[in-house]
N, C-alpha and C. Protein backbone atom coordinates (compact mmCIF):
# COMPACT_ATOMS: atom_id res chain seq x y z
N MET A 1 6.29 -0.87 6.72
CA MET A 1 6.11 -0.38 5.42
C MET A 1 6.00 -1.44 4.41
N SER A 2 6.85 -2.00 4.42
CA SER A 2 7.15 -3.28 3.70
C SER A 2 6.02 -4.18 3.78
N GLN A 3 5.70 -5.05 4.67
CA GLN A 3 4.57 -5.50 5.02
C GLN A 3 3.05 -4.92 4.46
N LEU A 4 2.70 -3.70 4.73
CA LEU A 4 1.63 -2.91 4.11
C LEU A 4 1.61 -3.23 3.08
N ALA A 5 2.36 -2.48 2.49
CA ALA A 5 2.55 -2.98 0.50
C ALA A 5 2.56 -4.12 0.45
N LYS A 6 2.89 -5.19 0.82
CA LYS A 6 2.80 -6.49 0.37
C LYS A 6 1.22 -7.22 0.33
N GLU A 7 0.58 -6.31 1.62
CA GLU A 7 -0.95 -6.81 1.82
C GLU A 7 -1.42 -6.16 0.68
N MET A 8 -1.05 -4.96 0.42
CA MET A 8 -2.11 -4.01 -0.83
C MET A 8 -2.14 -4.44 -1.55
N TRP A 9 -0.67 -4.62 -1.85
CA TRP A 9 -0.65 -5.37 -3.58
C TRP A 9 0.07 -6.60 -3.80
N PRO A 10 -0.64 -7.78 -3.25
CA PRO A 10 -0.15 -8.77 -3.25
C PRO A 10 0.19 -9.50 -4.65
N GLU A 11 -0.27 -9.26 -5.58
CA GLU A 11 -0.03 -9.76 -7.16
C GLU A 11 1.20 -8.67 -7.77
N ASN A 12 1.79 -7.66 -7.13
CA ASN A 12 3.01 -6.95 -7.91
C ASN A 12 4.14 -7.44 -7.13
N ASN A 13 5.33 -7.91 -8.15
CA ASN A 13 6.41 -8.07 -7.73
C ASN A 13 7.62 -7.31 -6.82
N ASN A 14 6.94 -5.36 -6.93
CA ASN A 14 8.10 -4.86 -6.01
C ASN A 14 6.82 -4.01 -5.51
N PRO A 15 5.86 -4.42 -4.51
CA PRO A 15 4.85 -3.42 -3.77
C PRO A 15 5.32 -2.62 -3.13
N ARG A 16 6.59 -2.98 -2.26
CA ARG A 16 7.29 -1.70 -1.72
C ARG A 16 8.11 -0.69 -2.43
N ILE A 17 8.48 -0.89 -3.56
CA ILE A 17 8.82 0.47 -4.40
C ILE A 17 7.72 0.98 -5.04
N LYS A 18 6.29 0.40 -5.15
CA LYS A 18 5.30 0.94 -5.49
C LYS A 18 4.79 2.10 -4.93
N LEU A 19 4.67 1.37 -3.41
CA LEU A 19 4.20 2.26 -2.36
C LEU A 19 5.19 3.42 -2.05
N TYR A 20 6.53 2.89 -2.43
CA TYR A 20 7.17 4.43 -2.07
C TYR A 20 7.07 5.33 -3.32
N ASN A 21 6.78 4.81 -4.41
CA ASN A 21 6.96 5.68 -5.64
C ASN A 21 5.41 6.77 -5.48
N LYS A 22 4.56 5.97 -4.78
CA LYS A 22 3.20 6.73 -4.49
C LYS A 22 3.31 7.66 -3.50
N LEU A 23 4.13 7.35 -2.57
CA LEU A 23 4.17 8.54 -1.11
C LEU A 23 4.84 9.42 -1.70
N ASN A 24 6.03 9.31 -2.94
CA ASN A 24 7.12 10.39 -2.99
C ASN A 24 6.58 10.97 -4.01
N GLU A 25 5.64 10.38 -4.87
CA GLU A 25 5.04 11.19 -6.13
C GLU A 25 6.50 10.85 -7.36
N LYS A 26 6.90 9.83 -7.11
CA LYS A 26 7.77 9.58 -8.20
C LYS A 26 7.07 9.51 -9.72
N LYS A 27 7.79 10.04 -10.71
CA LYS A 27 7.41 9.81 -11.99
C LYS A 27 7.72 8.33 -12.52
N ALA A 28 6.87 7.61 -13.30
CA ALA A 28 6.93 6.31 -13.54
C ALA A 28 5.88 6.26 -14.94
N GLY A 29 6.79 5.41 -15.70
CA GLY A 29 6.03 5.19 -16.91
C GLY A 29 5.51 6.65 -17.86
N SER A 30 4.10 6.81 -17.85
CA SER A 30 4.11 7.97 -18.43
C SER A 30 3.24 9.16 -17.70
N GLY A 31 3.41 8.84 -16.25
CA GLY A 31 2.92 10.05 -15.44
C GLY A 31 3.32 9.84 -13.88
N ILE A 32 3.05 10.59 -12.88
CA ILE A 32 3.36 10.52 -11.88
C ILE A 32 2.45 9.67 -11.02
N GLN A 33 3.09 8.89 -10.43
CA GLN A 33 2.41 8.07 -9.30
C GLN A 33 1.67 8.76 -7.87
N ARG A 34 0.79 8.40 -7.46
CA ARG A 34 -0.06 9.56 -6.39
C ARG A 34 -0.85 8.22 -5.91
N ILE A 35 -1.12 8.56 -4.70
CA ILE A 35 -2.17 7.89 -3.70
C ILE A 35 -3.79 7.90 -4.28
N THR A 36 -4.30 7.22 -4.24
CA THR A 36 -5.47 7.18 -5.01
C THR A 36 -6.23 6.82 -3.81
N GLU A 37 -7.76 7.10 -3.86
CA GLU A 37 -8.42 7.13 -2.70
C GLU A 37 -8.81 5.52 -2.56
N ASP A 38 -9.03 4.18 -3.71
CA ASP A 38 -8.52 3.15 -3.80
C ASP A 38 -7.25 2.64 -2.87
N ASP A 39 -6.49 3.17 -2.90
CA ASP A 39 -5.17 3.02 -2.09
C ASP A 39 -5.33 3.19 -0.53
N ILE A 40 -6.45 4.30 -0.35
CA ILE A 40 -6.46 4.57 1.23
C ILE A 40 -7.38 3.72 1.55
N LYS A 41 -8.20 3.11 0.53
CA LYS A 41 -9.22 2.39 1.19
C LYS A 41 -8.77 0.92 1.81
N GLU A 42 -7.92 0.52 0.34
CA GLU A 42 -7.11 -0.53 0.62
C GLU A 42 -6.28 -0.58 1.87
N ALA A 43 -5.22 0.56 2.22
CA ALA A 43 -4.47 0.67 3.43
C ALA A 43 -5.10 0.61 4.70
N LYS A 44 -6.65 1.27 4.52
CA LYS A 44 -7.29 1.08 5.85
C LYS A 44 -7.84 -0.40 5.92
N ARG A 45 -8.09 -1.43 4.98
CA ARG A 45 -8.33 -2.53 4.82
C ARG A 45 -7.44 -3.46 5.93
N VAL A 46 -6.25 -3.48 5.41
CA VAL A 46 -5.09 -4.20 5.79
C VAL A 46 -4.88 -3.36 7.52
N LEU A 47 -5.07 -2.48 7.64
CA LEU A 47 -4.75 -2.11 8.91
C LEU A 47 -5.91 -2.22 9.68
N ASN A 48 -7.06 -2.29 9.26
CA ASN A 48 -8.13 -2.86 10.27
C ASN A 48 -7.87 -3.91 10.60
N LYS A 49 -7.54 -5.04 9.59
CA LYS A 49 -7.03 -6.50 9.63
C LYS A 49 -6.13 -6.89 10.99
N LEU A 50 -4.93 -5.80 10.61
CA LEU A 50 -3.83 -6.02 11.58
C LEU A 50 -4.45 -5.45 13.17
N ALA A 51 -5.41 -4.34 13.43
CA ALA A 51 -5.86 -4.22 14.34
C ALA A 51 -6.73 -5.17 15.04
N ASP A 52 -7.79 -6.11 14.32
CA ASP A 52 -8.29 -7.06 14.66
C ASP A 52 -7.49 -8.39 14.94
N ASP A 53 -6.34 -8.45 14.07
CA ASP A 53 -5.60 -9.72 14.74
C ASP A 53 -4.90 -9.44 15.98
N ILE A 54 -4.45 -7.88 16.54
CA ILE A 54 -3.79 -7.37 17.64
C ILE A 54 -4.58 -7.82 18.86
N LYS A 55 -6.18 -7.16 18.54
CA LYS A 55 -6.88 -7.44 19.68
C LYS A 55 -7.30 -8.87 20.10
N LYS A 56 -7.26 -9.81 19.38
CA LYS A 56 -7.52 -11.34 19.52
C LYS A 56 -6.31 -11.59 20.47
N LEU A 57 -5.17 -11.05 20.52
CA LEU A 57 -4.02 -11.62 21.17
C LEU A 57 -4.30 -11.49 22.77
């Protein structure tokens, strides 16, 4: 999960915590963190890249 978060948000200092907060809908700042459509698209992109890398082995 940590590597997925790092690939999804490379510019974030704590991507693992960001993903955890979104998955658990934690309150952060002025609202509740939630998984968005953009997050799903980004996760699919990262996982598809991983699948392609595995197929190359």
